[in-house]
PDB file of N, CA and C in Angstrom:
ATOM      1  N   MET A   1     -26.359 -15.125  79.828  1.00  0.00           N
ATOM      2  CA  MET A   1     -26.674 -15.780  81.086  1.00  0.00           C
ATOM      3  C   MET A   1     -28.191 -15.959  81.165  1.00  0.00           C
ATOM      4  N   TYR A   2     -28.587 -17.033  81.847  1.00  0.00           N
ATOM      5  CA  TYR A   2     -30.008 -17.316  82.033  1.00  0.00           C
ATOM      6  C   TYR A   2     -30.323 -17.439  83.519  1.00  0.00           C
ATOM      7  N   LEU A   3     -31.534 -17.020  83.860  1.00  0.00           N
ATOM      8  CA  LEU A   3     -32.083 -17.253  85.195  1.00  0.00           C
ATOM      9  C   LEU A   3     -33.200 -18.263  85.014  1.00  0.00           C
ATOM     10  N   ILE A   4     -33.004 -19.447  85.585  1.00  0.00           N
ATOM     11  CA  ILE A   4     -33.940 -20.552  85.428  1.00  0.00           C
ATOM     12  C   ILE A   4     -34.525 -20.890  86.787  1.00  0.00           C
ATOM     13  N   ASN A   5     -35.854 -21.043  86.816  1.00  0.00           N
ATOM     14  CA  ASN A   5     -36.547 -21.357  88.067  1.00  0.00           C
ATOM     15  C   ASN A   5     -37.023 -22.799  88.033  1.00  0.00           C
ATOM     16  N   ILE A   6     -36.785 -23.483  89.131  1.00  0.00           N
ATOM     17  CA  ILE A   6     -37.075 -24.910  89.233  1.00  0.00           C
ATOM     18  C   ILE A   6     -37.808 -25.180  90.545  1.00  0.00           C
ATOM     19  N   GLN A   7     -38.811 -26.045  90.477  1.00  0.00           N
ATOM     20  CA  GLN A   7     -39.456 -26.527  91.698  1.00  0.00           C
ATOM     21  C   GLN A   7     -38.795 -27.859  92.037  1.00  0.00           C
ATOM     22  N   ALA A   8     -38.432 -28.035  93.320  1.00  0.00           N
ATOM     23  CA  ALA A   8     -37.692 -29.231  93.715  1.00  0.00           C
ATOM     24  C   ALA A   8     -38.155 -29.750  95.070  1.00  0.00           C
ATOM     25  N   LYS A   9     -37.871 -31.020  95.303  1.00  0.00           N
ATOM     26  CA  LYS A   9     -38.137 -31.659  96.598  1.00  0.00           C
ATOM     27  C   LYS A   9     -36.812 -32.220  97.113  1.00  0.00           C
ATOM     28  N   PRO A  10     -36.600 -32.187  98.421  1.00  0.00           N
ATOM     29  CA  PRO A  10     -35.333 -32.714  98.943  1.00  0.00           C
ATOM     30  C   PRO A  10     -35.253 -34.236  98.797  1.00  0.00           C
ATOM     31  N   LYS A  11     -34.065 -34.718  98.468  1.00  0.00           N
ATOM     32  CA  LYS A  11     -33.833 -36.161  98.424  1.00  0.00           C
ATOM     33  C   LYS A  11     -33.807 -36.690  99.848  1.00  0.00           C
ATOM     34  N   LYS A  12     -34.117 -37.963 100.033  1.00  0.00           N
ATOM     35  CA  LYS A  12     -34.164 -38.558 101.369  1.00  0.00           C
ATOM     36  C   LYS A  12     -32.841 -38.432 102.113  1.00  0.00           C
ATOM     37  N   LYS A  13     -31.741 -38.472 101.417  1.00  0.00           N
ATOM     38  CA  LYS A  13     -30.433 -38.378 102.060  1.00  0.00           C
ATOM     39  C   LYS A  13     -30.001 -36.929 102.301  1.00  0.00           C
ATOM     40  N   SER A  14     -30.817 -35.990 101.878  1.00  0.00           N
ATOM     41  CA  SER A  14     -30.485 -34.573 102.022  1.00  0.00           C
ATOM     42  C   SER A  14     -30.702 -34.094 103.456  1.00  0.00           C
ATOM     43  N   ASP A  15     -29.911 -33.141 103.872  1.00  0.00           N
ATOM     44  CA  ASP A  15     -30.093 -32.515 105.187  1.00  0.00           C
ATOM     45  C   ASP A  15     -31.441 -31.794 105.277  1.00  0.00           C
ATOM     46  N   TYR A  16     -31.992 -31.449 104.140  1.00  0.00           N
ATOM     47  CA  TYR A  16     -33.251 -30.707 104.094  1.00  0.00           C
ATOM     48  C   TYR A  16     -34.483 -31.609 104.200  1.00  0.00           C
ATOM     49  N   TYR A  17     -34.315 -32.921 104.053  1.00  0.00           N
ATOM     50  CA  TYR A  17     -35.455 -33.833 103.896  1.00  0.00           C
ATOM     51  C   TYR A  17     -36.474 -33.740 105.035  1.00  0.00           C
ATOM     52  N   LYS A  18     -36.022 -33.757 106.268  1.00  0.00           N
ATOM     53  CA  LYS A  18     -36.947 -33.736 107.408  1.00  0.00           C
ATOM     54  C   LYS A  18     -37.447 -32.331 107.724  1.00  0.00           C
ATOM     55  N   GLN A  19     -36.801 -31.338 107.156  1.00  0.00           N
ATOM     56  CA  GLN A  19     -37.110 -29.956 107.496  1.00  0.00           C
ATOM     57  C   GLN A  19     -38.066 -29.289 106.502  1.00  0.00           C
ATOM     58  N   TYR A  20     -37.964 -29.626 105.219  1.00  0.00           N
ATOM     59  CA  TYR A  20     -38.733 -28.932 104.188  1.00  0.00           C
ATOM     60  C   TYR A  20     -39.439 -29.904 103.262  1.00  0.00           C
ATOM     61  N   ALA A  21     -40.598 -29.468 102.753  1.00  0.00           N
ATOM     62  CA  ALA A  21     -41.344 -30.261 101.779  1.00  0.00           C
ATOM     63  C   ALA A  21     -40.827 -30.018 100.368  1.00  0.00           C
ATOM     64  N   GLY A  22     -40.290 -28.832 100.135  1.00  0.00           N
ATOM     65  CA  GLY A  22     -39.804 -28.505  98.800  1.00  0.00           C
ATOM     66  C   GLY A  22     -39.170 -27.137  98.764  1.00  0.00           C
ATOM     67  N   ALA A  23     -38.849 -26.724  97.539  1.00  0.00           N
ATOM     68  CA  ALA A  23     -38.221 -25.413  97.363  1.00  0.00           C
ATOM     69  C   ALA A  23     -38.460 -24.915  95.948  1.00  0.00           C
ATOM     70  N   PHE A  24     -38.515 -23.612  95.838  1.00  0.00           N
ATOM     71  CA  PHE A  24     -38.448 -22.956  94.548  1.00  0.00           C
ATOM     72  C   PHE A  24     -37.002 -22.499  94.417  1.00  0.00           C
ATOM     73  N   VAL A  25     -36.340 -22.984  93.391  1.00  0.00           N
ATOM     74  CA  VAL A  25     -34.911 -22.749  93.237  1.00  0.00           C
ATOM     75  C   VAL A  25     -34.677 -21.829  92.040  1.00  0.00           C
ATOM     76  N   SER A  26     -33.902 -20.792  92.257  1.00  0.00           N
ATOM     77  CA  SER A  26     -33.492 -19.900  91.178  1.00  0.00           C
ATOM     78  C   SER A  26     -32.024 -20.165  90.900  1.00  0.00           C
ATOM     79  N   VAL A  27     -31.729 -20.456  89.625  1.00  0.00           N
ATOM     80  CA  VAL A  27     -30.365 -20.769  89.238  1.00  0.00           C
ATOM     81  C   VAL A  27     -29.934 -19.808  88.127  1.00  0.00           C
ATOM     82  N   TYR A  28     -28.883 -19.060  88.411  1.00  0.00           N
ATOM     83  CA  TYR A  28     -28.262 -18.210  87.395  1.00  0.00           C
ATOM     84  C   TYR A  28     -27.188 -19.056  86.735  1.00  0.00           C
ATOM     85  N   VAL A  29     -27.273 -19.214  85.410  1.00  0.00           N
ATOM     86  CA  VAL A  29     -26.309 -20.033  84.689  1.00  0.00           C
ATOM     87  C   VAL A  29     -25.692 -19.195  83.575  1.00  0.00           C
ATOM     88  N   ASP A  30     -24.378 -19.046  83.627  1.00  0.00           N
ATOM     89  CA  ASP A  30     -23.656 -18.298  82.607  1.00  0.00           C
ATOM     90  C   ASP A  30     -23.285 -19.257  81.483  1.00  0.00           C
ATOM     91  N   TYR A  31     -24.208 -19.385  80.526  1.00  0.00           N
ATOM     92  CA  TYR A  31     -24.040 -20.316  79.417  1.00  0.00           C
ATOM     93  C   TYR A  31     -24.743 -19.719  78.206  1.00  0.00           C
ATOM     94  N   LYS A  32     -24.230 -19.942  77.030  1.00  0.00           N
ATOM     95  CA  LYS A  32     -24.763 -19.303  75.825  1.00  0.00           C
ATOM     96  C   LYS A  32     -26.033 -19.960  75.287  1.00  0.00           C
ATOM     97  N   ASP A  33     -26.201 -21.248  75.512  1.00  0.00           N
ATOM     98  CA  ASP A  33     -27.302 -22.011  74.936  1.00  0.00           C
ATOM     99  C   ASP A  33     -28.369 -22.296  75.991  1.00  0.00           C
ATOM    100  N   LEU A  34     -29.631 -22.023  75.688  1.00  0.00           N
ATOM    101  CA  LEU A  34     -30.715 -22.221  76.659  1.00  0.00           C
ATOM    102  C   LEU A  34     -30.834 -23.675  77.099  1.00  0.00           C
ATOM    103  N   ASN A  35     -30.854 -24.607  76.169  1.00  0.00           N
ATOM    104  CA  ASN A  35     -31.003 -26.023  76.545  1.00  0.00           C
ATOM    105  C   ASN A  35     -29.848 -26.493  77.416  1.00  0.00           C
ATOM    106  N   GLY A  36     -28.661 -26.062  77.094  1.00  0.00           N
ATOM    107  CA  GLY A  36     -27.500 -26.401  77.918  1.00  0.00           C
ATOM    108  C   GLY A  36     -27.610 -25.785  79.299  1.00  0.00           C
ATOM    109  N   ALA A  37     -28.092 -24.543  79.371  1.00  0.00           N
ATOM    110  CA  ALA A  37     -28.258 -23.863  80.663  1.00  0.00           C
ATOM    111  C   ALA A  37     -29.292 -24.581  81.527  1.00  0.00           C
ATOM    112  N   ILE A  38     -30.370 -25.039  80.914  1.00  0.00           N
ATOM    113  CA  ILE A  38     -31.402 -25.776  81.660  1.00  0.00           C
ATOM    114  C   ILE A  38     -30.824 -27.084  82.200  1.00  0.00           C
ATOM    115  N   ASN A  39     -30.087 -27.807  81.365  1.00  0.00           N
ATOM    116  CA  ASN A  39     -29.474 -29.062  81.818  1.00  0.00           C
ATOM    117  C   ASN A  39     -28.487 -28.821  82.950  1.00  0.00           C
ATOM    118  N   LEU A  40     -27.700 -27.758  82.854  1.00  0.00           N
ATOM    119  CA  LEU A  40     -26.769 -27.422  83.926  1.00  0.00           C
ATOM    120  C   LEU A  40     -27.517 -27.044  85.196  1.00  0.00           C
ATOM    121  N   ALA A  41     -28.587 -26.273  85.075  1.00  0.00           N
ATOM    122  CA  ALA A  41     -29.369 -25.871  86.248  1.00  0.00           C
ATOM    123  C   ALA A  41     -29.917 -27.098  86.969  1.00  0.00           C
ATOM    124  N   LYS A  42     -30.454 -28.051  86.215  1.00  0.00           N
ATOM    125  CA  LYS A  42     -30.967 -29.283  86.829  1.00  0.00           C
ATOM    126  C   LYS A  42     -29.843 -30.049  87.521  1.00  0.00           C
ATOM    127  N   TYR A  43     -28.686 -30.098  86.903  1.00  0.00           N
ATOM    128  CA  TYR A  43     -27.535 -30.775  87.496  1.00  0.00           C
ATOM    129  C   TYR A  43     -27.144 -30.125  88.825  1.00  0.00           C
ATOM    130  N   TYR A  44     -27.059 -28.800  88.846  1.00  0.00           N
ATOM    131  CA  TYR A  44     -26.669 -28.101  90.072  1.00  0.00           C
ATOM    132  C   TYR A  44     -27.691 -28.310  91.195  1.00  0.00           C
ATOM    133  N   VAL A  45     -28.968 -28.341  90.856  1.00  0.00           N
ATOM    134  CA  VAL A  45     -30.008 -28.583  91.860  1.00  0.00           C
ATOM    135  C   VAL A  45     -29.853 -29.987  92.440  1.00  0.00           C
ATOM    136  N   LYS A  46     -29.622 -30.963  91.586  1.00  0.00           N
ATOM    137  CA  LYS A  46     -29.429 -32.341  92.042  1.00  0.00           C
ATOM    138  C   LYS A  46     -28.185 -32.462  92.922  1.00  0.00           C
ATOM    139  N   GLU A  47     -27.126 -31.767  92.552  1.00  0.00           N
ATOM    140  CA  GLU A  47     -25.886 -31.806  93.332  1.00  0.00           C
ATOM    141  C   GLU A  47     -26.072 -31.219  94.737  1.00  0.00           C
ATOM    142  N   GLU A  48     -27.044 -30.348  94.901  1.00  0.00           N
ATOM    143  CA  GLU A  48     -27.340 -29.752  96.206  1.00  0.00           C
ATOM    144  C   GLU A  48     -28.228 -30.651  97.067  1.00  0.00           C
ATOM    145  N   GLY A  49     -28.632 -31.818  96.537  1.00  0.00           N
ATOM    146  CA  GLY A  49     -29.432 -32.770  97.306  1.00  0.00           C
ATOM    147  C   GLY A  49     -30.928 -32.662  97.071  1.00  0.00           C
ATOM    148  N   TRP A  50     -31.312 -32.138  95.909  1.00  0.00           N
ATOM    149  CA  TRP A  50     -32.722 -31.953  95.591  1.00  0.00           C
ATOM    150  C   TRP A  50     -33.098 -32.736  94.349  1.00  0.00           C
ATOM    151  N   LYS A  51     -34.367 -33.161  94.304  1.00  0.00           N
ATOM    152  CA  LYS A  51     -34.929 -33.825  93.134  1.00  0.00           C
ATOM    153  C   LYS A  51     -35.716 -32.779  92.347  1.00  0.00           C
ATOM    154  N   VAL A  52     -35.446 -32.664  91.064  1.00  0.00           N
ATOM    155  CA  VAL A  52     -36.155 -31.705  90.223  1.00  0.00           C
ATOM    156  C   VAL A  52     -37.574 -32.208  89.986  1.00  0.00           C
ATOM    157  N   VAL A  53     -38.556 -31.382  90.348  1.00  0.00           N
ATOM    158  CA  VAL A  53     -39.960 -31.712  90.125  1.00  0.00           C
ATOM    159  C   VAL A  53     -40.426 -31.099  88.808  1.00  0.00           C
ATOM    160  N   LYS A  54     -40.063 -29.826  88.608  1.00  0.00           N
ATOM    161  CA  LYS A  54     -40.510 -29.126  87.407  1.00  0.00           C
ATOM    162  C   LYS A  54     -39.574 -27.963  87.111  1.00  0.00           C
ATOM    163  N   VAL A  55     -39.235 -27.831  85.840  1.00  0.00           N
ATOM    164  CA  VAL A  55     -38.524 -26.645  85.377  1.00  0.00           C
ATOM    165  C   VAL A  55     -39.605 -25.692  84.858  1.00  0.00           C
ATOM    166  N   GLU A  56     -39.642 -24.504  85.405  1.00  0.00           N
ATOM    167  CA  GLU A  56     -40.656 -23.531  84.993  1.00  0.00           C
ATOM    168  C   GLU A  56     -40.464 -23.174  83.521  1.00  0.00           C
ATOM    169  N   ASP A  57     -41.569 -22.973  82.815  1.00  0.00           N
ATOM    170  CA  ASP A  57     -41.516 -22.619  81.393  1.00  0.00           C
ATOM    171  C   ASP A  57     -40.892 -21.245  81.177  1.00  0.00           C
ATOM    172  N   GLU A  58     -41.154 -20.334  82.104  1.00  0.00           N
ATOM    173  CA  GLU A  58     -40.623 -18.979  81.974  1.00  0.00           C
ATOM    174  C   GLU A  58     -39.186 -18.922  82.482  1.00  0.00           C
ATOM    175  N   TYR A  59     -38.340 -18.308  81.715  1.00  0.00           N
ATOM    176  CA  TYR A  59     -36.945 -18.099  82.093  1.00  0.00           C
ATOM    177  C   TYR A  59     -36.571 -16.669  81.723  1.00  0.00           C
ATOM    178  N   PHE A  60     -35.439 -16.217  82.207  1.00  0.00           N
ATOM    179  CA  PHE A  60     -35.000 -14.859  81.937  1.00  0.00           C
ATOM    180  C   PHE A  60     -33.632 -14.888  81.281  1.00  0.00           C
ATOM    181  N   THR A  61     -33.468 -14.087  80.246  1.00  0.00           N
ATOM    182  CA  THR A  61     -32.183 -13.910  79.596  1.00  0.00           C
ATOM    183  C   THR A  61     -31.550 -12.647  80.158  1.00  0.00           C
ATOM    184  N   LEU A  62     -30.355 -12.779  80.684  1.00  0.00           N
ATOM    185  CA  LEU A  62     -29.652 -11.655  81.302  1.00  0.00           C
ATOM    186  C   LEU A  62     -28.392 -11.373  80.483  1.00  0.00           C
ATOM    187  N   ASP A  63     -28.469 -10.338  79.657  1.00  0.00           N
ATOM    188  CA  ASP A  63     -27.338  -9.997  78.798  1.00  0.00           C
ATOM    189  C   ASP A  63     -26.317  -9.113  79.488  1.00  0.00           C
ATOM    190  N   SER A  64     -26.765  -8.409  80.541  1.00  0.00           N
ATOM    191  CA  SER A  64     -25.856  -7.543  81.283  1.00  0.00           C
ATOM    192  C   SER A  64     -26.437  -7.284  82.663  1.00  0.00           C
ATOM    193  N   LEU A  65     -25.680  -6.624  83.486  1.00  0.00           N
ATOM    194  CA  LEU A  65     -26.128  -6.296  84.839  1.00  0.00           C
ATOM    195  C   LEU A  65     -27.382  -5.421  84.817  1.00  0.00           C
ATOM    196  N   GLU A  66     -27.568  -4.674  83.749  1.00  0.00           N
ATOM    197  CA  GLU A  66     -28.756  -3.823  83.606  1.00  0.00           C
ATOM    198  C   GLU A  66     -30.045  -4.645  83.539  1.00  0.00           C
ATOM    199  N   ASP A  67     -29.947  -5.919  83.158  1.00  0.00           N
ATOM    200  CA  ASP A  67     -31.117  -6.792  83.067  1.00  0.00           C
ATOM    201  C   ASP A  67     -31.543  -7.358  84.419  1.00  0.00           C
ATOM    202  N   VAL A  68     -30.744  -7.139  85.439  1.00  0.00           N
ATOM    203  CA  VAL A  68     -31.017  -7.660  86.777  1.00  0.00           C
ATOM    204  C   VAL A  68     -31.785  -6.601  87.571  1.00  0.00           C
ATOM    205  N   ASN A  69     -32.740  -7.059  88.391  1.00  0.00           N
ATOM    206  CA  ASN A  69     -33.452  -6.122  89.272  1.00  0.00           C
ATOM    207  C   ASN A  69     -32.448  -5.359  90.111  1.00  0.00           C
ATOM    208  N   ASN A  70     -32.752  -4.134  90.418  1.00  0.00           N
ATOM    209  CA  ASN A  70     -31.842  -3.303  91.203  1.00  0.00           C
ATOM    210  C   ASN A  70     -31.921  -3.693  92.681  1.00  0.00           C
ATOM    211  N   ASP A  71     -31.634  -4.952  92.947  1.00  0.00           N
ATOM    212  CA  ASP A  71     -31.675  -5.522  94.281  1.00  0.00           C
ATOM    213  C   ASP A  71     -30.277  -6.070  94.565  1.00  0.00           C
ATOM    214  N   GLU A  72     -29.708  -5.703  95.691  1.00  0.00           N
ATOM    215  CA  GLU A  72     -28.321  -6.067  95.986  1.00  0.00           C
ATOM    216  C   GLU A  72     -28.092  -7.578  95.954  1.00  0.00           C
ATOM    217  N   SER A  73     -29.035  -8.362  96.474  1.00  0.00           N
ATOM    218  CA  SER A  73     -28.850  -9.813  96.488  1.00  0.00           C
ATOM    219  C   SER A  73     -28.888 -10.386  95.068  1.00  0.00           C
ATOM    220  N   GLN A  74     -29.746  -9.833  94.204  1.00  0.00           N
ATOM    221  CA  GLN A  74     -29.811 -10.297  92.815  1.00  0.00           C
ATOM    222  C   GLN A  74     -28.528  -9.949  92.066  1.00  0.00           C
ATOM    223  N   ILE A  75     -28.003  -8.763  92.330  1.00  0.00           N
ATOM    224  CA  ILE A  75     -26.747  -8.333  91.713  1.00  0.00           C
ATOM    225  C   ILE A  75     -25.609  -9.248  92.161  1.00  0.00           C
ATOM    226  N   GLU A  76     -25.604  -9.605  93.442  1.00  0.00           N
ATOM    227  CA  GLU A  76     -24.572 -10.495  93.974  1.00  0.00           C
ATOM    228  C   GLU A  76     -24.631 -11.875  93.309  1.00  0.00           C
ATOM    229  N   LEU A  77     -25.851 -12.405  93.131  1.00  0.00           N
ATOM    230  CA  LEU A  77     -26.011 -13.709  92.484  1.00  0.00           C
ATOM    231  C   LEU A  77     -25.556 -13.659  91.026  1.00  0.00           C
ATOM    232  N   TYR A  78     -25.883 -12.579  90.352  1.00  0.00           N
ATOM    233  CA  TYR A  78     -25.467 -12.401  88.959  1.00  0.00           C
ATOM    234  C   TYR A  78     -23.934 -12.385  88.868  1.00  0.00           C
ATOM    235  N   ASN A  79     -23.314 -11.582  89.710  1.00  0.00           N
ATOM    236  CA  ASN A  79     -21.853 -11.475  89.695  1.00  0.00           C
ATOM    237  C   ASN A  79     -21.174 -12.793  90.062  1.00  0.00           C
ATOM    238  N   GLU A  80     -21.771 -13.526  91.001  1.00  0.00           N
ATOM    239  CA  GLU A  80     -21.236 -14.838  91.382  1.00  0.00           C
ATOM    240  C   GLU A  80     -21.272 -15.798  90.193  1.00  0.00           C
ATOM    241  N   ALA A  81     -22.370 -15.746  89.432  1.00  0.00           N
ATOM    242  CA  ALA A  81     -22.480 -16.609  88.256  1.00  0.00           C
ATOM    243  C   ALA A  81     -21.449 -16.239  87.193  1.00  0.00           C
ATOM    244  N   LEU A  82     -21.116 -14.961  87.086  1.00  0.00           N
ATOM    245  CA  LEU A  82     -20.073 -14.554  86.141  1.00  0.00           C
ATOM    246  C   LEU A  82     -18.724 -15.145  86.520  1.00  0.00           C
ATOM    247  N   VAL A  83     -18.453 -15.227  87.812  1.00  0.00           N
ATOM    248  CA  VAL A  83     -17.164 -15.725  88.291  1.00  0.00           C
ATOM    249  C   VAL A  83     -17.106 -17.257  88.255  1.00  0.00           C
ATOM    250  N   TYR A  84     -18.146 -17.922  88.773  1.00  0.00           N
ATOM    251  CA  TYR A  84     -18.124 -19.377  88.957  1.00  0.00           C
ATOM    252  C   TYR A  84     -18.907 -20.163  87.900  1.00  0.00           C
ATOM    253  N   GLY A  85     -19.637 -19.457  87.041  1.00  0.00           N
ATOM    254  CA  GLY A  85     -20.422 -20.137  86.015  1.00  0.00           C
ATOM    255  C   GLY A  85     -21.873 -20.337  86.401  1.00  0.00           C
ATOM    256  N   TYR A  86     -22.158 -20.284  87.697  1.00  0.00           N
ATOM    257  CA  TYR A  86     -23.539 -20.402  88.159  1.00  0.00           C
ATOM    258  C   TYR A  86     -23.644 -19.893  89.595  1.00  0.00           C
ATOM    259  N   SER A  87     -24.865 -19.615  89.984  1.00  0.00           N
ATOM    260  CA  SER A  87     -25.183 -19.366  91.396  1.00  0.00           C
ATOM    261  C   SER A  87     -26.597 -19.873  91.617  1.00  0.00           C
ATOM    262  N   ILE A  88     -26.876 -20.242  92.856  1.00  0.00           N
ATOM    263  CA  ILE A  88     -28.147 -20.893  93.154  1.00  0.00           C
ATOM    264  C   ILE A  88     -28.695 -20.356  94.475  1.00  0.00           C
ATOM    265  N   ILE A  89     -30.011 -20.165  94.504  1.00  0.00           N
ATOM    266  CA  ILE A  89     -30.659 -19.764  95.744  1.00  0.00           C
ATOM    267  C   ILE A  89     -31.905 -20.624  95.934  1.00  0.00           C
ATOM    268  N   LEU A  90     -32.050 -21.147  97.148  1.00  0.00           N
ATOM    269  CA  LEU A  90     -33.176 -22.015  97.492  1.00  0.00           C
ATOM    270  C   LEU A  90     -34.186 -21.229  98.330  1.00  0.00           C
ATOM    271  N   ASN A  91     -35.422 -21.222  97.897  1.00  0.00           N
ATOM    272  CA  ASN A  91     -36.510 -20.635  98.671  1.00  0.00           C
ATOM    273  C   ASN A  91     -37.366 -21.799  99.164  1.00  0.00           C
ATOM    274  N   CYS A  92     -37.014 -22.316 100.350  1.00  0.00           N
ATOM    275  CA  CYS A  92     -37.616 -23.539 100.889  1.00  0.00           C
ATOM    276  C   CYS A  92     -38.980 -23.260 101.516  1.00  0.00           C
ATOM    277  N   TYR A  93     -39.828 -24.288 101.477  1.00  0.00           N
ATOM    278  CA  TYR A  93     -41.121 -24.207 102.149  1.00  0.00           C
ATOM    279  C   TYR A  93     -41.384 -25.505 102.890  1.00  0.00           C
ATOM    280  N   GLU A  94     -42.193 -25.393 103.950  1.00  0.00           N
ATOM    281  CA  GLU A  94     -42.562 -26.559 104.757  1.00  0.00           C
ATOM    282  C   GLU A  94     -43.839 -27.154 104.220  1.00  0.00           C
ATOM    283  N   GLU A  95     -44.255 -28.284 104.792  1.00  0.00           N
ATOM    284  CA  GLU A  95     -45.506 -28.929 104.392  1.00  0.00           C
ATOM    285  C   GLU A  95     -46.665 -27.967 104.534  1.00  0.00           C
ATOM    286  N   ASP A  96     -47.620 -28.060 103.600  1.00  0.00           N
ATOM    287  CA  ASP A  96     -48.846 -27.270 103.720  1.00  0.00           C
ATOM    288  C   ASP A  96     -49.647 -27.776 104.903  1.00  0.00           C
ATOM    289  N   GLU A  97     -50.266 -26.872 105.642  1.00  0.00           N
ATOM    290  CA  GLU A  97     -51.050 -27.261 106.810  1.00  0.00           C
ATOM    291  C   GLU A  97     -52.293 -28.045 106.423  1.00  0.00           C
ATOM    292  N   GLU A  98     -52.795 -27.857 105.183  1.00  0.00           N
ATOM    293  CA  GLU A  98     -54.015 -28.527 104.754  1.00  0.00           C
ATOM    294  C   GLU A  98     -53.769 -30.000 104.476  1.00  0.00           C
ATOM    295  N   GLU A  99     -52.551 -30.419 104.221  1.00  0.00           N
ATOM    296  CA  GLU A  99     -52.286 -31.815 103.859  1.00  0.00           C
ATOM    297  C   GLU A  99     -52.268 -32.702 105.062  1.00  0.00           C
TER     298      GLU A  99
END
Protein backbone atom coordinates (compact mmCIF):
# COMPACT_ATOMS: atom_id res chain seq x y z
CA MET A 1 0.00 0.00 0.00
CA TYR A 2 1.11 3.56 -0.68
CA LEU A 3 0.30 6.88 0.95
CA ILE A 4 0.43 9.55 -1.73
CA ASN A 5 0.09 13.27 -1.06
CA ILE A 6 -1.38 15.57 -3.67
CA GLN A 7 -1.98 19.31 -3.83
CA ALA A 8 -5.31 20.09 -5.49
CA LYS A 9 -7.71 22.90 -6.34
CA PRO A 10 -11.49 22.51 -6.47
CA LYS A 11 -13.11 22.30 -9.90
CA LYS A 12 -15.61 25.06 -10.71
CA LYS A 13 -18.51 22.60 -10.55
CA SER A 14 -17.37 21.29 -7.16
CA ASP A 15 -19.24 22.06 -3.95
CA TYR A 16 -15.88 23.17 -2.57
CA TYR A 17 -15.17 25.80 -5.26
CA LYS A 18 -16.60 28.86 -3.49
CA GLN A 19 -15.48 27.71 -0.07
CA TYR A 20 -11.82 26.69 -0.49
CA ALA A 21 -8.80 27.74 -2.53
CA GLY A 22 -7.24 24.29 -2.41
CA ALA A 23 -6.41 21.21 -0.42
CA PHE A 24 -3.61 18.92 0.54
CA VAL A 25 -4.98 15.47 -0.15
CA SER A 26 -3.67 12.24 1.36
CA VAL A 27 -4.64 9.12 -0.53
CA TYR A 28 -4.02 5.61 0.76
CA VAL A 29 -3.95 3.26 -2.23
CA ASP A 30 -3.77 -0.51 -1.82
CA TYR A 31 -1.87 -1.32 -5.01
CA LYS A 32 1.39 -3.17 -5.64
CA ASP A 33 2.91 -0.83 -8.24
CA LEU A 34 3.91 2.77 -7.38
CA ASN A 35 3.10 4.25 -10.80
CA GLY A 36 -0.27 2.55 -10.82
CA ALA A 37 -0.96 3.78 -7.27
CA ILE A 38 -0.12 7.36 -8.28
CA ASN A 39 -2.43 7.16 -11.30
CA LEU A 40 -5.22 5.76 -9.12
CA ALA A 41 -4.67 8.47 -6.49
CA LYS A 42 -4.99 11.19 -9.15
CA TYR A 43 -8.15 9.53 -10.46
CA TYR A 44 -9.75 9.40 -7.01
CA VAL A 45 -8.92 13.08 -6.37
CA LYS A 46 -10.50 14.07 -9.69
CA GLU A 47 -13.58 11.96 -8.93
CA GLU A 48 -14.03 13.96 -5.70
CA GLY A 49 -14.27 17.20 -7.73
CA TRP A 50 -10.68 18.40 -7.50
CA LYS A 51 -8.04 19.31 -10.07
CA VAL A 52 -4.61 17.83 -9.37
CA VAL A 53 -2.03 20.61 -9.11
CA LYS A 54 0.96 18.58 -7.96
CA VAL A 55 1.76 15.08 -6.81
CA GLU A 56 4.32 15.36 -4.03
CA ASP A 57 7.65 13.64 -4.74
CA GLU A 58 7.69 12.03 -1.31
CA TYR A 59 5.43 9.05 -0.78
CA PHE A 60 5.17 6.37 1.89
CA THR A 61 5.21 2.61 1.46
CA LEU A 62 2.99 0.90 4.02
CA ASP A 63 3.67 -2.83 4.20
CA SER A 64 1.66 -3.39 7.37
CA LEU A 65 -0.27 -1.61 10.08
CA GLU A 66 3.03 -1.21 11.96
CA ASP A 67 4.12 1.29 9.27
CA VAL A 68 1.23 3.62 10.13
CA ASN A 69 1.54 6.31 12.81
CA ASN A 70 -0.06 5.21 16.05
CA ASP A 71 -2.94 7.61 15.42
CA GLU A 72 -6.50 6.26 15.42
CA SER A 73 -7.56 8.25 12.34
CA GLN A 74 -4.51 7.06 10.36
CA ILE A 75 -5.21 3.46 11.37
CA GLU A 76 -8.84 3.88 10.26
CA LEU A 77 -7.77 5.23 6.85
CA TYR A 78 -5.30 2.37 6.41
CA ASN A 79 -7.94 -0.23 7.26
CA GLU A 80 -10.48 1.44 4.96
CA ALA A 81 -7.99 1.22 2.10
CA LEU A 82 -7.52 -2.49 2.79
CA VAL A 83 -11.27 -3.03 2.46
CA TYR A 84 -12.14 -0.66 -0.42
CA GLY A 85 -8.79 -0.35 -2.22
CA TYR A 86 -8.30 3.29 -1.24
CA SER A 87 -9.17 5.98 1.25
CA ILE A 88 -8.86 9.72 0.91
CA ILE A 89 -8.68 12.67 3.28
CA LEU A 90 -8.87 16.33 2.25
CA ASN A 91 -7.09 19.00 4.28
CA CYS A 92 -8.73 22.10 2.77
CA TYR A 93 -7.48 25.66 3.02
CA GLU A 94 -9.01 29.03 2.20
CA GLU A 95 -7.48 31.85 0.16
CA ASP A 96 -4.34 33.38 1.62
CA GLU A 97 -5.02 36.77 3.18
CA GLU A 98 -2.00 38.27 1.38
CA GLU A 99 -3.45 37.62 -2.09
